[in-house]
Protein backbone atom coordinates (compact mmCIF):
# COMPACT_ATOMS: atom_id res chain seq x y z
CA MET A 1 -78.64 -93.59 29.85
CA ARG A 2 -81.66 -92.83 32.02
CA LEU A 3 -81.38 -93.09 35.82
CA LEU A 4 -84.34 -94.05 38.00
CA PHE A 5 -84.67 -94.04 41.79
CA GLN A 6 -87.19 -95.51 44.21
CA HIS A 7 -87.31 -93.43 47.39
CA LEU A 8 -88.87 -96.14 49.52
CA ALA A 9 -87.92 -95.29 53.10
CA GLY A 10 -85.72 -93.23 55.37
CA ARG A 11 -85.07 -91.79 58.84
CA ILE A 12 -84.33 -88.17 59.82
CA THR A 13 -84.96 -88.17 63.58
CA HIS A 14 -82.16 -89.43 65.86
CA THR A 15 -80.37 -90.78 62.79
CA ASP A 16 -80.07 -90.07 59.07
CA TRP A 17 -80.40 -92.71 56.37
CA GLN A 18 -82.34 -93.26 53.17
CA TYR A 19 -83.26 -96.41 51.29
CA SER A 20 -83.36 -95.50 47.61
CA PRO A 21 -82.75 -98.35 45.14
CA MET A 22 -81.20 -97.09 41.90
CA TYR A 23 -81.86 -98.40 38.42
CA ALA A 24 -80.91 -97.36 34.91
CA VAL A 25 -81.88 -97.96 31.31
CA PHE A 26 -79.05 -98.04 28.78
CA GLU A 27 -78.76 -97.92 25.04
CA LYS A 28 -76.96 -100.92 23.54
CA SER A 29 -73.99 -98.70 22.68
CA GLU A 30 -73.64 -97.91 26.41
CA TYR A 31 -73.50 -101.50 27.70
CA LYS A 32 -69.72 -101.70 28.09
CA LYS A 33 -69.55 -98.43 30.04
CA ALA A 34 -72.43 -99.65 32.20
CA LEU A 35 -70.58 -102.87 33.04
CA ASP A 36 -67.39 -100.94 33.75
CA SER A 37 -69.42 -98.84 36.21
CA GLY A 38 -70.85 -101.73 38.21
CA TRP A 39 -74.23 -102.15 36.51
CA LEU A 40 -75.81 -105.49 35.57
CA PRO A 41 -79.05 -106.26 33.71
CA HIS A 42 -82.04 -106.78 36.00
CA GLU A 43 -83.04 -110.36 35.24
CA TYR A 44 -86.65 -110.03 36.40
CA ASP A 45 -87.50 -106.46 35.44
CA PRO A 46 -86.18 -105.56 31.97
CA PRO A 47 -85.01 -103.23 30.56
CA LEU A 48 -83.70 -102.05 33.95
CA TRP A 49 -80.10 -102.46 35.09
CA PHE A 50 -79.18 -102.41 38.79
CA GLN A 51 -76.32 -101.36 41.04
CA ALA A 52 -74.93 -103.62 43.77
CA ARG A 53 -71.72 -105.06 45.18
CA GLN A 54 -71.25 -107.00 41.97
CA VAL A 55 -68.63 -109.77 41.76
CA ARG A 56 -66.80 -110.80 38.63
CA TYR A 57 -63.75 -112.82 37.56
CA ARG A 58 -61.12 -111.69 35.07
CA LEU A 59 -61.00 -114.83 32.97
CA ASN A 60 -57.43 -114.39 31.67
CA ALA A 61 -56.28 -114.96 35.27
CA LEU A 62 -56.91 -118.67 34.62
CA GLU A 63 -53.94 -118.68 32.24
CA HIS A 64 -51.59 -118.09 35.19
CA HIS A 65 -53.42 -120.30 37.66
CA LYS A 66 -52.91 -123.98 38.41
CA LYS A 67 -55.47 -126.01 36.49
CA ARG A 68 -58.35 -127.19 38.67
CA LYS A 69 -58.29 -130.95 39.26
CA ILE A 70 -61.83 -132.27 38.80
CA PRO A 71 -62.65 -135.85 39.89
CA LYS A 72 -63.03 -138.29 37.00
CA ARG A 73 -66.50 -139.20 38.23
CA VAL A 74 -67.69 -135.63 37.53
CA ASP A 75 -68.60 -134.55 34.01
CA PHE A 76 -70.19 -131.49 32.41
CA GLU A 77 -72.32 -130.76 29.35
CA ILE A 78 -73.21 -127.36 27.93
CA CYS A 79 -76.78 -127.16 26.60
CA TYR A 80 -78.31 -124.38 24.55
CA HIS A 81 -81.84 -125.51 25.32
CA ARG A 82 -83.67 -127.09 28.28
CA LYS A 83 -82.58 -130.61 27.43
CA ASN A 84 -83.63 -132.36 30.65
CA TRP A 85 -86.29 -130.01 31.94
CA GLU A 86 -88.15 -132.46 34.19
CA ARG A 87 -84.91 -133.44 35.90
CA TYR A 88 -83.98 -129.76 36.35
CA LYS A 89 -87.27 -129.23 38.18
CA GLU A 90 -86.60 -132.20 40.45
CA ILE A 91 -83.12 -130.85 41.30
CA TRP A 92 -84.58 -127.38 41.82
CA GLU A 93 -87.19 -128.62 44.33
CA ILE A 94 -84.56 -130.55 46.29
CA TYR A 95 -82.23 -127.53 46.26
CA LEU A 96 -84.90 -125.15 47.58
CA GLU A 97 -85.80 -127.58 50.38
CA LYS A 98 -82.16 -128.16 51.40
CA LYS A 99 -81.48 -124.40 51.48
CA GLY A 100 -84.66 -123.67 53.41
CA PHE A 101 -85.91 -121.35 50.67
CA ASP A 102 -89.53 -120.64 49.80
CA GLY A 103 -90.68 -123.57 47.68
CA ASP A 104 -92.98 -121.33 45.64
CA GLN A 105 -90.24 -120.22 43.24
CA PRO A 106 -90.91 -121.65 39.79
CA LEU A 107 -87.80 -122.52 37.83
CA ASP A 108 -89.44 -121.18 34.65
CA ARG A 109 -88.89 -117.65 35.96
CA LEU A 110 -85.17 -117.95 35.21
CA PHE A 111 -86.00 -118.39 31.55
CA ASP A 112 -88.80 -115.85 31.15
CA LEU A 113 -86.37 -113.25 29.81
CA ASP A 114 -84.28 -113.98 26.70
CA PRO A 115 -84.21 -117.80 26.90
CA ASP A 116 -82.23 -117.86 23.66
CA LYS A 117 -79.44 -115.87 25.37
CA LYS A 118 -78.89 -118.39 28.15
CA ILE A 119 -77.03 -121.66 28.42
CA ILE A 120 -77.34 -124.49 30.89
CA VAL A 121 -74.36 -126.36 32.30
CA GLU A 122 -75.41 -129.86 33.29
CA VAL A 123 -73.31 -131.54 35.99
CA TYR A 124 -73.08 -135.32 36.17
CA ASP A 125 -71.76 -137.55 38.95
CA TYR A 126 -71.21 -141.15 37.79
CA ASP A 127 -73.42 -140.36 34.76
CA GLU A 128 -76.30 -139.14 36.93
CA LEU A 129 -77.50 -135.57 36.40
CA VAL A 130 -77.24 -134.06 39.90
CA ALA A 131 -76.78 -130.32 39.30
CA PHE A 132 -77.20 -127.55 36.76
CA SER A 133 -76.16 -123.94 36.31
CA VAL A 134 -77.95 -121.25 34.29
CA ILE A 135 -75.76 -118.62 32.63
CA ARG A 136 -76.78 -115.53 30.70
CA ILE A 137 -74.29 -114.96 27.87
CA ASP A 138 -75.58 -111.74 26.30
CA PRO A 139 -74.82 -108.86 26.72
CA VAL A 140 -72.30 -110.32 29.19
CA PRO A 141 -71.84 -113.70 30.91
CA VAL A 142 -73.71 -113.72 34.22
CA SER A 143 -73.93 -116.88 36.33
CA LEU A 144 -77.55 -116.62 37.42
CA GLN A 145 -78.21 -119.79 39.38
CA PHE A 146 -76.56 -123.02 40.48
CA ALA A 147 -78.68 -125.80 41.94
CA TRP A 148 -77.81 -129.31 43.06
CA THR A 149 -79.13 -132.21 45.08
CA TYR A 150 -76.60 -132.06 47.97
CA HIS A 151 -76.20 -135.83 47.56
CA ASP A 152 -72.46 -135.62 48.38
CA PRO A 153 -71.51 -132.23 49.90
CA LYS A 154 -67.83 -133.20 50.21
CA LEU A 155 -67.64 -133.41 46.44
CA SER A 156 -67.83 -129.57 46.19
CA LEU A 157 -69.70 -129.67 42.90
CA GLY A 158 -70.38 -125.93 42.99
CA ILE A 159 -66.66 -125.13 43.07
CA HIS A 160 -65.89 -127.56 40.26
CA CYS A 161 -68.75 -126.16 38.18
CA GLN A 162 -67.57 -122.57 38.67
CA TYR A 163 -64.10 -123.43 37.39
CA PHE A 164 -65.62 -125.27 34.43
CA GLU A 165 -67.82 -122.26 33.62
CA MET A 166 -64.89 -119.86 33.80
CA GLN A 167 -62.71 -121.97 31.52
CA SER A 168 -65.57 -122.48 29.06
CA LEU A 169 -66.33 -118.76 28.90
CA LEU A 170 -62.64 -117.97 28.42
CA ASP A 171 -62.50 -120.46 25.54
CA LEU A 172 -65.52 -118.72 24.00
CA GLY A 173 -63.59 -115.42 24.03
CA PHE A 174 -65.25 -113.63 26.95
CA GLU A 175 -63.28 -111.28 29.20
CA TYR A 176 -65.29 -111.57 32.44
CA ASP A 177 -67.67 -113.88 34.23
CA TYR A 178 -70.12 -112.03 36.49
CA VAL A 179 -71.54 -113.97 39.43
CA CYS A 180 -74.12 -111.46 40.73
CA PRO A 181 -73.83 -109.47 44.00
CA GLY A 182 -71.77 -110.50 47.02
CA TYR A 183 -73.41 -109.87 50.39
CA GLU A 184 -73.27 -111.59 53.79
CA GLU A 185 -70.99 -114.41 54.87
CA THR A 186 -72.72 -116.82 52.53
CA CYS A 187 -71.03 -115.00 49.60
CA ILE A 188 -67.45 -115.02 50.90
CA TRP A 189 -66.76 -118.11 48.78
CA LYS A 190 -67.04 -115.95 45.66
CA SER A 191 -63.66 -114.37 46.47
CA ARG A 192 -61.79 -117.69 46.24
CA PHE A 193 -61.45 -117.82 42.47
CA PRO A 194 -58.68 -116.40 40.28
CA GLY A 195 -59.31 -112.97 38.80
CA PHE A 196 -61.72 -112.00 41.60
CA GLU A 197 -62.97 -108.40 41.61
CA PHE A 198 -65.89 -106.67 43.33
CA TRP A 199 -67.56 -103.32 42.72
CA THR A 200 -67.07 -100.90 45.62
CA GLY A 201 -69.36 -98.26 44.17
CA THR A 202 -66.50 -96.30 42.60
CA GLU A 203 -64.10 -98.96 41.30
CA TRP A 204 -63.49 -102.67 40.71
CA SER A 205 -61.30 -103.93 43.55
CA GLY A 206 -59.39 -107.18 44.01
CA ASP A 207 -59.01 -106.68 47.77
CA ARG A 208 -60.21 -110.02 49.15
CA ASP A 209 -59.71 -108.99 52.78
CA LEU A 210 -61.89 -105.90 52.38
CA TYR A 211 -64.57 -107.92 50.58
CA GLU A 212 -64.61 -110.51 53.37
CA ARG A 213 -64.90 -107.81 56.06
CA LEU A 214 -67.82 -106.24 54.22
CA CYS A 215 -69.61 -109.58 53.87
CA LYS A 216 -69.12 -110.37 57.56
CA ARG A 217 -70.43 -106.95 58.52
CA ASP A 218 -73.51 -107.53 56.36
CA SER A 219 -74.40 -110.58 58.43
CA MET A 220 -74.14 -108.60 61.66
CA ILE A 221 -76.48 -105.79 60.61
CA ILE A 222 -79.90 -106.02 62.28
CA ASP A 223 -80.98 -102.41 61.77
CA PRO A 224 -79.68 -99.71 59.38
CA ASP A 225 -78.66 -97.76 62.50
CA ASP A 226 -76.03 -100.47 63.03
CA LEU A 227 -74.07 -98.86 60.20
CA SER A 228 -71.58 -96.70 62.07
CA ASN A 229 -69.23 -93.98 60.89
CA ASP A 230 -66.42 -96.51 61.22
CA ASP A 231 -67.04 -97.68 57.66
CA PRO A 232 -64.60 -100.23 56.20
CA LEU A 233 -65.38 -98.77 52.78
CA PRO A 234 -65.10 -94.97 53.14
CA LEU A 235 -66.65 -92.89 50.41
CA SER A 236 -63.89 -91.59 48.15
CA TYR A 237 -63.53 -90.73 44.52
CA ASP A 238 -60.74 -91.35 42.07
CA PHE A 239 -61.95 -89.25 39.17
CA GLU A 240 -59.26 -90.62 36.84
CA LYS A 241 -60.70 -94.15 37.25
CA MET A 242 -64.35 -93.16 36.95
CA VAL A 243 -66.11 -93.78 33.65
CA SER A 244 -67.07 -90.64 31.78
CA TRP A 245 -70.49 -90.67 30.15
């Protein structure tokens, strides 16, 4: 393991904070320990891994959870190549516009790194391809991106797709499904699935209330000085739970 830091900014007058993104490079034999310690591969800057408030689902929790009822009109197909690429690009453009995101985000970028280690879940409504999800499956399943046309928001296609992905990954023998970091109120939905856990910085926690409070606080922060000493996630260490390198 090699740790790297970017000391980009900070304040020492009137307040005290530093902005120092942390990255790491791991040997393949260290991947499991890295995942246990809250690291995920950096999708756009290999071979770096990054730290964040990662969210994952323990997939065996599905075995004790009521099976998700998916409307008969909705169907899924797992593809190991870009089967309907032109349609994906159409969906992607609609998705970016509906979300108000910068339209200059080429879909190809999701596949620049290790395209052979990614799968695509196609989502059909009445036999029409209306959504897709891109999942990295090596070295660990990571749900990278879900995009859809918003043609029927009440259908909750994203929720149905997430359950389908989790069950499919469980059937393939995986232990966890990682769904990238959880920040701001827009990510509260990630806590609604069975087996939910998030990385606090020192441990994987299943505390949904704490996670929701943290996400709500994120959305209220305008300036780093807004972070007060009344922290809902106090810094503490349980050395028995920490991974030894």
